[in-house]
Every structure is written in C-alpha cells, then in structure tokens.
PDB file of N, CA and C in Angstrom:
ATOM      1  N   MET A   1     286.924 186.292-133.886  1.00  0.00           N
ATOM      2  CA  MET A   1     286.277 185.169-133.230  1.00  0.00           C
ATOM      3  C   MET A   1     286.452 185.248-131.717  1.00  0.00           C
ATOM      4  N   ALA A   2     287.621 185.690-131.289  1.00  0.00           N
ATOM      5  CA  ALA A   2     287.875 185.781-129.852  1.00  0.00           C
ATOM      6  C   ALA A   2     286.950 186.790-129.202  1.00  0.00           C
ATOM      7  N   SER A   3     286.659 187.913-129.900  1.00  0.00           N
ATOM      8  CA  SER A   3     285.779 188.904-129.292  1.00  0.00           C
ATOM      9  C   SER A   3     284.357 188.366-129.172  1.00  0.00           C
ATOM     10  N   ARG A   4     283.925 187.506-130.105  1.00  0.00           N
ATOM     11  CA  ARG A   4     282.595 186.893-130.006  1.00  0.00           C
ATOM     12  C   ARG A   4     282.547 185.977-128.789  1.00  0.00           C
ATOM     13  N   THR A   5     283.593 185.214-128.573  1.00  0.00           N
ATOM     14  CA  THR A   5     283.660 184.330-127.404  1.00  0.00           C
ATOM     15  C   THR A   5     283.641 185.154-126.128  1.00  0.00           C
ATOM     16  N   ASN A   6     284.413 186.237-126.100  1.00  0.00           N
ATOM     17  CA  ASN A   6     284.423 187.118-124.928  1.00  0.00           C
ATOM     18  C   ASN A   6     283.039 187.691-124.670  1.00  0.00           C
ATOM     19  N   LEU A   7     282.348 188.073-125.729  1.00  0.00           N
ATOM     20  CA  LEU A   7     281.009 188.629-125.593  1.00  0.00           C
ATOM     21  C   LEU A   7     280.046 187.580-125.052  1.00  0.00           C
ATOM     22  N   GLN A   8     280.137 186.342-125.548  1.00  0.00           N
ATOM     23  CA  GLN A   8     279.246 185.282-125.082  1.00  0.00           C
ATOM     24  C   GLN A   8     279.474 184.995-123.608  1.00  0.00           C
ATOM     25  N   VAL A   9     280.702 185.072-123.145  1.00  0.00           N
ATOM     26  CA  VAL A   9     281.007 184.848-121.733  1.00  0.00           C
ATOM     27  C   VAL A   9     280.533 186.033-120.903  1.00  0.00           C
ATOM     28  N   ALA A  10     280.681 187.236-121.442  1.00  0.00           N
ATOM     29  CA  ALA A  10     280.346 188.443-120.691  1.00  0.00           C
ATOM     30  C   ALA A  10     278.849 188.650-120.532  1.00  0.00           C
ATOM     31  N   VAL A  11     278.053 188.219-121.496  1.00  0.00           N
ATOM     32  CA  VAL A  11     276.605 188.471-121.435  1.00  0.00           C
ATOM     33  C   VAL A  11     275.971 187.839-120.201  1.00  0.00           C
ATOM     34  N   PRO A  12     276.179 186.541-119.909  1.00  0.00           N
ATOM     35  CA  PRO A  12     275.581 185.996-118.688  1.00  0.00           C
ATOM     36  C   PRO A  12     276.113 186.682-117.428  1.00  0.00           C
ATOM     37  N   ALA A  13     277.403 187.007-117.423  1.00  0.00           N
ATOM     38  CA  ALA A  13     277.973 187.688-116.268  1.00  0.00           C
ATOM     39  C   ALA A  13     277.341 189.067-116.104  1.00  0.00           C
ATOM     40  N   THR A  14     277.154 189.769-117.213  1.00  0.00           N
ATOM     41  CA  THR A  14     276.538 191.085-117.159  1.00  0.00           C
ATOM     42  C   THR A  14     275.088 190.972-116.712  1.00  0.00           C
ATOM     43  N   SER A  15     274.389 189.971-117.180  1.00  0.00           N
ATOM     44  CA  SER A  15     273.005 189.756-116.772  1.00  0.00           C
ATOM     45  C   SER A  15     272.905 189.553-115.263  1.00  0.00           C
ATOM     46  N   THR A  16     273.803 188.767-114.720  1.00  0.00           N
ATOM     47  CA  THR A  16     273.817 188.533-113.271  1.00  0.00           C
ATOM     48  C   THR A  16     274.119 189.825-112.534  1.00  0.00           C
ATOM     49  N   ARG A  17     275.053 190.596-113.052  1.00  0.00           N
ATOM     50  CA  ARG A  17     275.399 191.868-112.412  1.00  0.00           C
ATOM     51  C   ARG A  17     274.235 192.853-112.483  1.00  0.00           C
ATOM     52  N   LEU A  18     273.509 192.858-113.609  1.00  0.00           N
ATOM     53  CA  LEU A  18     272.348 193.743-113.723  1.00  0.00           C
ATOM     54  C   LEU A  18     271.251 193.344-112.741  1.00  0.00           C
ATOM     55  N   GLU A  19     271.066 192.045-112.533  1.00  0.00           N
ATOM     56  CA  GLU A  19     270.097 191.590-111.534  1.00  0.00           C
ATOM     57  C   GLU A  19     270.494 192.069-110.147  1.00  0.00           C
ATOM     58  N   ALA A  20     271.779 192.042-109.838  1.00  0.00           N
ATOM     59  CA  ALA A  20     272.261 192.517-108.540  1.00  0.00           C
ATOM     60  C   ALA A  20     272.016 194.015-108.387  1.00  0.00           C
ATOM     61  N   ILE A  21     272.202 194.767-109.473  1.00  0.00           N
ATOM     62  CA  ILE A  21     271.936 196.207-109.430  1.00  0.00           C
ATOM     63  C   ILE A  21     270.456 196.461-109.202  1.00  0.00           C
ATOM     64  N   LEU A  22     269.611 195.706-109.880  1.00  0.00           N
ATOM     65  CA  LEU A  22     268.169 195.849-109.675  1.00  0.00           C
ATOM     66  C   LEU A  22     267.810 195.575-108.218  1.00  0.00           C
ATOM     67  N   ASP A  23     268.405 194.546-107.638  1.00  0.00           N
ATOM     68  CA  ASP A  23     268.163 194.247-106.220  1.00  0.00           C
ATOM     69  C   ASP A  23     268.557 195.430-105.339  1.00  0.00           C
ATOM     70  N   LYS A  24     269.698 196.051-105.654  1.00  0.00           N
ATOM     71  CA  LYS A  24     270.143 197.210-104.868  1.00  0.00           C
ATOM     72  C   LYS A  24     269.169 198.366-105.006  1.00  0.00           C
ATOM     73  N   LEU A  25     268.698 198.616-106.231  1.00  0.00           N
ATOM     74  CA  LEU A  25     267.764 199.724-106.434  1.00  0.00           C
ATOM     75  C   LEU A  25     266.430 199.475-105.746  1.00  0.00           C
ATOM     76  N   VAL A  26     265.979 198.229-105.723  1.00  0.00           N
ATOM     77  CA  VAL A  26     264.753 197.896-104.991  1.00  0.00           C
ATOM     78  C   VAL A  26     264.968 198.120-103.496  1.00  0.00           C
ATOM     79  N   ALA A  27     266.158 197.782-102.996  1.00  0.00           N
ATOM     80  CA  ALA A  27     266.466 198.018-101.581  1.00  0.00           C
ATOM     81  C   ALA A  27     266.439 199.514-101.269  1.00  0.00           C
ATOM     82  N   VAL A  28     266.962 200.326-102.172  1.00  0.00           N
ATOM     83  CA  VAL A  28     266.921 201.787-101.993  1.00  0.00           C
ATOM     84  C   VAL A  28     265.468 202.252-101.941  1.00  0.00           C
ATOM     85  N   GLN A  29     264.673 201.755-102.862  1.00  0.00           N
ATOM     86  CA  GLN A  29     263.266 202.132-102.900  1.00  0.00           C
ATOM     87  C   GLN A  29     262.573 201.754-101.597  1.00  0.00           C
ATOM     88  N   MET A  30     262.849 200.551-101.116  1.00  0.00           N
ATOM     89  CA  MET A  30     262.220 200.097 -99.877  1.00  0.00           C
ATOM     90  C   MET A  30     262.690 200.927 -98.681  1.00  0.00           C
ATOM     91  N   ASP A  31     263.969 201.300 -98.662  1.00  0.00           N
ATOM     92  CA  ASP A  31     264.478 202.145 -97.584  1.00  0.00           C
ATOM     93  C   ASP A  31     263.810 203.512 -97.579  1.00  0.00           C
ATOM     94  N   LEU A  32     263.527 204.033 -98.769  1.00  0.00           N
ATOM     95  CA  LEU A  32     262.989 205.392 -98.868  1.00  0.00           C
ATOM     96  C   LEU A  32     261.473 205.470 -98.797  1.00  0.00           C
ATOM     97  N   GLU A  33     260.765 204.359 -98.985  1.00  0.00           N
ATOM     98  CA  GLU A  33     259.301 204.394 -98.938  1.00  0.00           C
ATOM     99  C   GLU A  33     258.759 205.005 -97.644  1.00  0.00           C
ATOM    100  N   PRO A  34     259.271 204.589 -96.471  1.00  0.00           N
ATOM    101  CA  PRO A  34     258.741 205.198 -95.247  1.00  0.00           C
ATOM    102  C   PRO A  34     259.057 206.695 -95.145  1.00  0.00           C
ATOM    103  N   VAL A  35     260.174 207.102 -95.689  1.00  0.00           N
ATOM    104  CA  VAL A  35     260.566 208.515 -95.648  1.00  0.00           C
ATOM    105  C   VAL A  35     259.643 209.330 -96.545  1.00  0.00           C
ATOM    106  N   CYS A  36     259.307 208.770 -97.687  1.00  0.00           N
ATOM    107  CA  CYS A  36     258.457 209.468 -98.648  1.00  0.00           C
ATOM    108  C   CYS A  36     256.975 209.384 -98.289  1.00  0.00           C
ATOM    109  N   GLY A  37     256.629 208.468 -97.385  1.00  0.00           N
ATOM    110  CA  GLY A  37     255.243 208.313 -96.993  1.00  0.00           C
ATOM    111  C   GLY A  37     254.430 207.518 -97.991  1.00  0.00           C
ATOM    112  N   VAL A  38     255.074 206.700 -98.791  1.00  0.00           N
ATOM    113  CA  VAL A  38     254.385 205.891 -99.787  1.00  0.00           C
ATOM    114  C   VAL A  38     253.705 204.717 -99.086  1.00  0.00           C
ATOM    115  N   GLY A  39     252.398 204.649 -99.178  1.00  0.00           N
ATOM    116  CA  GLY A  39     251.661 203.518 -98.637  1.00  0.00           C
ATOM    117  C   GLY A  39     251.504 203.509 -97.127  1.00  0.00           C
ATOM    118  N   ALA A  40     252.055 204.472 -96.433  1.00  0.00           N
ATOM    119  CA  ALA A  40     251.952 204.512 -94.972  1.00  0.00           C
ATOM    120  C   ALA A  40     252.290 205.923 -94.502  1.00  0.00           C
ATOM    121  N   GLU A  41     252.199 206.102 -93.194  1.00  0.00           N
ATOM    122  CA  GLU A  41     252.577 207.395 -92.638  1.00  0.00           C
ATOM    123  C   GLU A  41     254.086 207.545 -92.651  1.00  0.00           C
ATOM    124  N   ARG A  42     254.527 208.768 -92.659  1.00  0.00           N
ATOM    125  CA  ARG A  42     255.963 209.037 -92.652  1.00  0.00           C
ATOM    126  C   ARG A  42     256.571 208.673 -91.308  1.00  0.00           C
ATOM    127  N   VAL A  43     257.856 208.330 -91.361  1.00  0.00           N
ATOM    128  CA  VAL A  43     258.577 207.953 -90.148  1.00  0.00           C
ATOM    129  C   VAL A  43     259.142 209.198 -89.478  1.00  0.00           C
ATOM    130  N   PRO A  44     259.508 209.092 -88.193  1.00  0.00           N
ATOM    131  CA  PRO A  44     260.132 210.240 -87.512  1.00  0.00           C
ATOM    132  C   PRO A  44     261.447 210.635 -88.198  1.00  0.00           C
ATOM    133  N   VAL A  45     261.865 211.875 -87.968  1.00  0.00           N
ATOM    134  CA  VAL A  45     263.050 212.425 -88.621  1.00  0.00           C
ATOM    135  C   VAL A  45     264.302 211.586 -88.362  1.00  0.00           C
ATOM    136  N   VAL A  46     264.491 211.097 -87.140  1.00  0.00           N
ATOM    137  CA  VAL A  46     265.682 210.305 -86.816  1.00  0.00           C
ATOM    138  C   VAL A  46     265.705 209.023 -87.647  1.00  0.00           C
ATOM    139  N   ALA A  47     264.583 208.351 -87.735  1.00  0.00           N
ATOM    140  CA  ALA A  47     264.503 207.126 -88.539  1.00  0.00           C
ATOM    141  C   ALA A  47     264.688 207.454 -90.017  1.00  0.00           C
ATOM    142  N   ALA A  48     264.167 208.597 -90.447  1.00  0.00           N
ATOM    143  CA  ALA A  48     264.311 209.004 -91.843  1.00  0.00           C
ATOM    144  C   ALA A  48     265.781 209.216 -92.184  1.00  0.00           C
ATOM    145  N   ARG A  49     266.514 209.812 -91.278  1.00  0.00           N
ATOM    146  CA  ARG A  49     267.942 210.059 -91.509  1.00  0.00           C
ATOM    147  C   ARG A  49     268.693 208.740 -91.698  1.00  0.00           C
ATOM    148  N   ASP A  50     268.385 207.759 -90.866  1.00  0.00           N
ATOM    149  CA  ASP A  50     269.022 206.445 -90.985  1.00  0.00           C
ATOM    150  C   ASP A  50     268.645 205.759 -92.299  1.00  0.00           C
ATOM    151  N   ALA A  51     267.381 205.862 -92.675  1.00  0.00           N
ATOM    152  CA  ALA A  51     266.912 205.251 -93.923  1.00  0.00           C
ATOM    153  C   ALA A  51     267.583 205.900 -95.129  1.00  0.00           C
ATOM    154  N   ILE A  52     267.723 207.213 -95.080  1.00  0.00           N
ATOM    155  CA  ILE A  52     268.364 207.929 -96.185  1.00  0.00           C
ATOM    156  C   ILE A  52     269.844 207.558 -96.271  1.00  0.00           C
ATOM    157  N   ALA A  53     270.515 207.461 -95.132  1.00  0.00           N
ATOM    158  CA  ALA A  53     271.933 207.082 -95.127  1.00  0.00           C
ATOM    159  C   ALA A  53     272.114 205.685 -95.711  1.00  0.00           C
ATOM    160  N   SER A  54     271.264 204.769 -95.331  1.00  0.00           N
ATOM    161  CA  SER A  54     271.343 203.405 -95.861  1.00  0.00           C
ATOM    162  C   SER A  54     271.077 203.393 -97.359  1.00  0.00           C
ATOM    163  N   ALA A  55     270.065 204.115 -97.785  1.00  0.00           N
ATOM    164  CA  ALA A  55     269.721 204.177 -99.206  1.00  0.00           C
ATOM    165  C   ALA A  55     270.861 204.797-100.010  1.00  0.00           C
ATOM    166  N   CYS A  56     271.511 205.818 -99.474  1.00  0.00           N
ATOM    167  CA  CYS A  56     272.627 206.463-100.176  1.00  0.00           C
ATOM    168  C   CYS A  56     273.792 205.501-100.370  1.00  0.00           C
ATOM    169  N   ALA A  57     274.106 204.740 -99.338  1.00  0.00           N
ATOM    170  CA  ALA A  57     275.211 203.782 -99.435  1.00  0.00           C
ATOM    171  C   ALA A  57     274.929 202.743-100.519  1.00  0.00           C
ATOM    172  N   ILE A  58     273.707 202.230-100.542  1.00  0.00           N
ATOM    173  CA  ILE A  58     273.337 201.235-101.552  1.00  0.00           C
ATOM    174  C   ILE A  58     273.334 201.863-102.939  1.00  0.00           C
ATOM    175  N   LEU A  59     272.841 203.075-103.046  1.00  0.00           N
ATOM    176  CA  LEU A  59     272.782 203.759-104.338  1.00  0.00           C
ATOM    177  C   LEU A  59     274.182 204.013-104.887  1.00  0.00           C
ATOM    178  N   HIS A  60     275.117 204.432-104.040  1.00  0.00           N
ATOM    179  CA  HIS A  60     276.499 204.638-104.489  1.00  0.00           C
ATOM    180  C   HIS A  60     277.093 203.334-105.028  1.00  0.00           C
ATOM    181  N   SER A  61     276.807 202.239-104.365  1.00  0.00           N
ATOM    182  CA  SER A  61     277.293 200.933-104.800  1.00  0.00           C
ATOM    183  C   SER A  61     276.690 200.553-106.160  1.00  0.00           C
ATOM    184  N   ALA A  62     275.403 200.789-106.325  1.00  0.00           N
ATOM    185  CA  ALA A  62     274.732 200.465-107.591  1.00  0.00           C
ATOM    186  C   ALA A  62     275.287 201.314-108.731  1.00  0.00           C
ATOM    187  N   ILE A  63     275.552 202.575-108.472  1.00  0.00           N
ATOM    188  CA  ILE A  63     276.115 203.459-109.496  1.00  0.00           C
ATOM    189  C   ILE A  63     277.499 202.973-109.910  1.00  0.00           C
ATOM    190  N   ALA A  64     278.311 202.575-108.940  1.00  0.00           N
ATOM    191  CA  ALA A  64     279.645 202.039-109.251  1.00  0.00           C
ATOM    192  C   ALA A  64     279.525 200.776-110.103  1.00  0.00           C
ATOM    193  N   ASP A  65     278.558 199.929-109.790  1.00  0.00           N
ATOM    194  CA  ASP A  65     278.343 198.715-110.576  1.00  0.00           C
ATOM    195  C   ASP A  65     277.954 199.045-112.015  1.00  0.00           C
ATOM    196  N   VAL A  66     277.072 200.025-112.196  1.00  0.00           N
ATOM    197  CA  VAL A  66     276.644 200.423-113.536  1.00  0.00           C
ATOM    198  C   VAL A  66     277.835 200.969-114.327  1.00  0.00           C
ATOM    199  N   ARG A  67     278.654 201.796-113.690  1.00  0.00           N
ATOM    200  CA  ARG A  67     279.846 202.324-114.369  1.00  0.00           C
ATOM    201  C   ARG A  67     280.755 201.189-114.825  1.00  0.00           C
ATOM    202  N   SER A  68     280.954 200.225-113.966  1.00  0.00           N
ATOM    203  CA  SER A  68     281.817 199.087-114.292  1.00  0.00           C
ATOM    204  C   SER A  68     281.277 198.318-115.492  1.00  0.00           C
ATOM    205  N   ILE A  69     279.982 198.076-115.507  1.00  0.00           N
ATOM    206  CA  ILE A  69     279.361 197.345-116.620  1.00  0.00           C
ATOM    207  C   ILE A  69     279.481 198.146-117.915  1.00  0.00           C
ATOM    208  N   ILE A  70     279.262 199.441-117.845  1.00  0.00           N
ATOM    209  CA  ILE A  70     279.367 200.280-119.040  1.00  0.00           C
ATOM    210  C   ILE A  70     280.780 200.221-119.606  1.00  0.00           C
ATOM    211  N   HIS A  71     281.785 200.322-118.749  1.00  0.00           N
ATOM    212  CA  HIS A  71     283.168 200.245-119.221  1.00  0.00           C
ATOM    213  C   HIS A  71     283.461 198.875-119.827  1.00  0.00           C
ATOM    214  N   GLN A  72     282.932 197.829-119.214  1.00  0.00           N
ATOM    215  CA  GLN A  72     283.141 196.477-119.739  1.00  0.00           C
ATOM    216  C   GLN A  72     282.476 196.330-121.103  1.00  0.00           C
ATOM    217  N   VAL A  73     281.235 196.779-121.225  1.00  0.00           N
ATOM    218  CA  VAL A  73     280.505 196.658-122.486  1.00  0.00           C
ATOM    219  C   VAL A  73     281.168 197.509-123.563  1.00  0.00           C
ATOM    220  N   ASP A  74     281.614 198.706-123.224  1.00  0.00           N
ATOM    221  CA  ASP A  74     282.305 199.547-124.199  1.00  0.00           C
ATOM    222  C   ASP A  74     283.533 198.833-124.744  1.00  0.00           C
ATOM    223  N   GLY A  75     284.261 198.160-123.884  1.00  0.00           N
ATOM    224  CA  GLY A  75     285.452 197.432-124.313  1.00  0.00           C
ATOM    225  C   GLY A  75     285.115 196.254-125.201  1.00  0.00           C
ATOM    226  N   LEU A  76     283.990 195.612-124.938  1.00  0.00           N
ATOM    227  CA  LEU A  76     283.605 194.444-125.725  1.00  0.00           C
ATOM    228  C   LEU A  76     282.997 194.818-127.069  1.00  0.00           C
ATOM    229  N   THR A  77     282.337 195.974-127.135  1.00  0.00           N
ATOM    230  CA  THR A  77     281.660 196.331-128.374  1.00  0.00           C
ATOM    231  C   THR A  77     282.581 197.033-129.361  1.00  0.00           C
ATOM    232  N   ASP A  78     283.728 197.516-128.909  1.00  0.00           N
ATOM    233  CA  ASP A  78     284.670 198.163-129.804  1.00  0.00           C
ATOM    234  C   ASP A  78     285.811 197.191-130.091  1.00  0.00           C
ATOM    235  N   PRO A  79     285.804 196.537-131.274  1.00  0.00           N
ATOM    236  CA  PRO A  79     286.813 195.522-131.574  1.00  0.00           C
ATOM    237  C   PRO A  79     288.243 196.023-131.437  1.00  0.00           C
ATOM    238  N   ALA A  80     288.512 197.273-131.789  1.00  0.00           N
ATOM    239  CA  ALA A  80     289.871 197.804-131.684  1.00  0.00           C
ATOM    240  C   ALA A  80     290.307 197.868-130.224  1.00  0.00           C
ATOM    241  N   ASP A  81     289.411 198.318-129.354  1.00  0.00           N
ATOM    242  CA  ASP A  81     289.738 198.391-127.929  1.00  0.00           C
ATOM    243  C   ASP A  81     289.909 196.997-127.339  1.00  0.00           C
ATOM    244  N   ALA A  82     289.058 196.062-127.745  1.00  0.00           N
ATOM    245  CA  ALA A  82     289.148 194.705-127.222  1.00  0.00           C
ATOM    246  C   ALA A  82     290.464 194.057-127.634  1.00  0.00           C
ATOM    247  N   ALA A  83     290.861 194.256-128.890  1.00  0.00           N
ATOM    248  CA  ALA A  83     292.125 193.689-129.362  1.00  0.00           C
ATOM    249  C   ALA A  83     293.304 194.328-128.650  1.00  0.00           C
ATOM    250  N   SER A  84     293.223 195.637-128.446  1.00  0.00           N
ATOM    251  CA  SER A  84     294.288 196.350-127.749  1.00  0.00           C
ATOM    252  C   SER A  84     294.419 195.870-126.307  1.00  0.00           C
ATOM    253  N   ALA A  85     293.308 195.648-125.638  1.00  0.00           N
ATOM    254  CA  ALA A  85     293.316 195.189-124.252  1.00  0.00           C
ATOM    255  C   ALA A  85     293.905 193.786-124.143  1.00  0.00           C
ATOM    256  N   GLN A  86     293.654 192.945-125.149  1.00  0.00           N
ATOM    257  CA  GLN A  86     294.182 191.577-125.117  1.00  0.00           C
ATOM    258  C   GLN A  86     295.683 191.556-125.348  1.00  0.00           C
ATOM    259  N   ASP A  87     296.214 192.546-126.069  1.00  0.00           N
ATOM    260  CA  ASP A  87     297.642 192.608-126.345  1.00  0.00           C
ATOM    261  C   ASP A  87     298.444 192.998-125.108  1.00  0.00           C
ATOM    262  N   HIS A  88     297.807 193.624-124.111  1.00  0.00           N
ATOM    263  CA  HIS A  88     298.526 194.097-122.913  1.00  0.00           C
ATOM    264  C   HIS A  88     298.511 193.099-121.825  1.00  0.00           C
TER     265      HIS A  88
END
C-alpha cells in the first residue's frame, strides 16, 4: 500500500518534471534554429557558436533531469527496491 501511495505522489511530480524537460528541449530547438537555417537565413559563425554553447548547456541539464526521473521511476516500479530504500 505504501508503494501505491508513493507512486500517486510521484506521478504529478514526475509530470511537472517532464514538462520542465520539454521546455528545456524546446529552448534547445529555438537556440539551434538560426544555426540550422530553419525558417530563416543562417546566423554568422560567432553567433552560431554562442547559440550552440547555450543549447549544449540546456541539453546537458535536460539529460540529467531525464536520468533522475528514470532512476526515480525504476525505484518506484520495483517493489523490492522501493521496500529496500524505505528500510534505509
């Protein structure tokens, strides 16, 4: 029963975190659009370098968030792991 309660609490939190990841990925896409020339002319190389650096930083953050969610979900979906984690 406790793992069901933990899952019910985690789902809204995970949903919010997934929305934040989506926001980060959209920001990466927007940063890279001028570099890729999507919908407009390409930007100068100096501006492209800055856009790529910004996109990389956001992408690294989004990847870390996804890893965290995966580890959390793995712990919640495996009853033995969840029980073990609660004992510590």
